[in-house]
Amino acid sequence: MPDSAPDPPPAPAADPDSDESGAARRRRRAQFLRELNEAKALRERVKPRQARAARMRQQMRMRTFRW
């Protein structure tokens, strides 16, 4: 039975010292963080009570975290 999805392209050789891979990683991370902040802002507008409760839970977790 053949797969309907083609195999993903092979990943480029990951060289940890390469500036290109570092720049690409930083670019992807920045994009992810922008989208995450946008999603949090949307959640805040749509469900403000739940968003506030989630913020309070996160603050409590940070207060009780042991380093």
C-alpha atoms as a PDB file:
ATOM      1  CA  MET A   1       0.000   0.000   0.000  1.00  0.00           C
ATOM      2  CA  PRO A   2       1.769   3.215  -1.149  1.00  0.00           C
ATOM      3  CA  ASP A   3       1.928   6.232   1.111  1.00  0.00           C
ATOM      4  CA  SER A   4      -0.086   9.212  -0.061  1.00  0.00           C
ATOM      5  CA  ALA A   5       2.378  11.663   1.547  1.00  0.00           C
ATOM      6  CA  PRO A   6       5.823  11.965  -0.023  1.00  0.00           C
ATOM      7  CA  ASP A   7       8.894  11.539   2.145  1.00  0.00           C
ATOM      8  CA  PRO A   8      10.079  14.811   3.695  1.00  0.00           C
ATOM      9  CA  PRO A   9      13.162  16.321   2.056  1.00  0.00           C
ATOM     10  CA  PRO A  10      16.399  15.372   3.767  1.00  0.00           C
ATOM     11  CA  ALA A  11      17.442  17.855   6.432  1.00  0.00           C
ATOM     12  CA  PRO A  12      20.549  19.888   5.619  1.00  0.00           C
ATOM     13  CA  ALA A  13      23.672  18.900   7.514  1.00  0.00           C
ATOM     14  CA  ALA A  14      23.358  20.682  10.843  1.00  0.00           C
ATOM     15  CA  ASP A  15      26.693  22.302  11.624  1.00  0.00           C
ATOM     16  CA  PRO A  16      26.400  23.887  15.076  1.00  0.00           C
ATOM     17  CA  ASP A  17      29.223  26.347  14.272  1.00  0.00           C
ATOM     18  CA  SER A  18      27.612  27.561  11.071  1.00  0.00           C
ATOM     19  CA  ASP A  19      26.396  31.190  11.134  1.00  0.00           C
ATOM     20  CA  GLU A  20      23.740  30.385   8.536  1.00  0.00           C
ATOM     21  CA  SER A  21      22.077  27.720  10.672  1.00  0.00           C
ATOM     22  CA  GLY A  22      22.290  30.001  13.727  1.00  0.00           C
ATOM     23  CA  ALA A  23      20.706  32.874  11.845  1.00  0.00           C
ATOM     24  CA  ALA A  24      17.972  30.610  10.489  1.00  0.00           C
ATOM     25  CA  ARG A  25      17.328  29.249  13.973  1.00  0.00           C
ATOM     26  CA  ARG A  26      17.087  32.767  15.443  1.00  0.00           C
ATOM     27  CA  ARG A  27      14.741  33.796  12.632  1.00  0.00           C
ATOM     28  CA  ARG A  28      12.468  30.795  13.262  1.00  0.00           C
ATOM     29  CA  ARG A  29      12.549  31.421  17.009  1.00  0.00           C
ATOM     30  CA  ALA A  30      11.657  35.100  16.562  1.00  0.00           C
ATOM     31  CA  GLN A  31       8.755  34.133  14.279  1.00  0.00           C
ATOM     32  CA  PHE A  32       7.545  31.567  16.818  1.00  0.00           C
ATOM     33  CA  LEU A  33       7.698  34.082  19.680  1.00  0.00           C
ATOM     34  CA  ARG A  34       5.802  36.682  17.618  1.00  0.00           C
ATOM     35  CA  GLU A  35       3.053  34.167  16.882  1.00  0.00           C
ATOM     36  CA  LEU A  36       2.970  33.039  20.509  1.00  0.00           C
ATOM     37  CA  ASN A  37       2.539  36.616  21.743  1.00  0.00           C
ATOM     38  CA  GLU A  38      -0.149  37.207  19.130  1.00  0.00           C
ATOM     39  CA  ALA A  39      -2.002  34.075  20.282  1.00  0.00           C
ATOM     40  CA  LYS A  40      -1.760  35.181  23.924  1.00  0.00           C
ATOM     41  CA  ALA A  41      -3.136  38.615  23.041  1.00  0.00           C
ATOM     42  CA  LEU A  42      -6.005  37.019  21.121  1.00  0.00           C
ATOM     43  CA  ARG A  43      -6.793  34.709  24.038  1.00  0.00           C
ATOM     44  CA  GLU A  44      -6.740  37.733  26.369  1.00  0.00           C
ATOM     45  CA  ARG A  45      -9.320  39.518  24.209  1.00  0.00           C
ATOM     46  CA  VAL A  46     -11.543  36.491  23.673  1.00  0.00           C
ATOM     47  CA  LYS A  47     -11.525  35.015  27.196  1.00  0.00           C
ATOM     48  CA  PRO A  48     -10.233  37.663  29.612  1.00  0.00           C
ATOM     49  CA  ARG A  49     -11.246  35.819  32.795  1.00  0.00           C
ATOM     50  CA  GLN A  50      -9.580  32.584  31.759  1.00  0.00           C
ATOM     51  CA  ALA A  51      -6.500  34.458  30.561  1.00  0.00           C
ATOM     52  CA  ARG A  52      -6.255  36.277  33.896  1.00  0.00           C
ATOM     53  CA  ALA A  53      -6.620  33.008  35.788  1.00  0.00           C
ATOM     54  CA  ALA A  54      -3.895  31.445  33.639  1.00  0.00           C
ATOM     55  CA  ARG A  55      -1.602  34.414  34.370  1.00  0.00           C
ATOM     56  CA  MET A  56      -2.245  34.034  38.090  1.00  0.00           C
ATOM     57  CA  ARG A  57      -1.458  30.301  37.945  1.00  0.00           C
ATOM     58  CA  GLN A  58       1.778  31.030  36.054  1.00  0.00           C
ATOM     59  CA  GLN A  59       2.781  33.660  38.627  1.00  0.00           C
ATOM     60  CA  MET A  60       2.109  31.193  41.437  1.00  0.00           C
ATOM     61  CA  ARG A  61       4.221  28.558  39.693  1.00  0.00           C
ATOM     62  CA  MET A  62       7.068  31.058  39.335  1.00  0.00           C
ATOM     63  CA  ARG A  63       6.796  32.125  42.989  1.00  0.00           C
ATOM     64  CA  THR A  64       6.954  28.573  44.271  1.00  0.00           C
ATOM     65  CA  PHE A  65       9.704  27.381  41.913  1.00  0.00           C
ATOM     66  CA  ARG A  66      12.933  26.423  43.687  1.00  0.00           C
ATOM     67  CA  TRP A  67      16.206  27.294  41.913  1.00  0.00           C
END
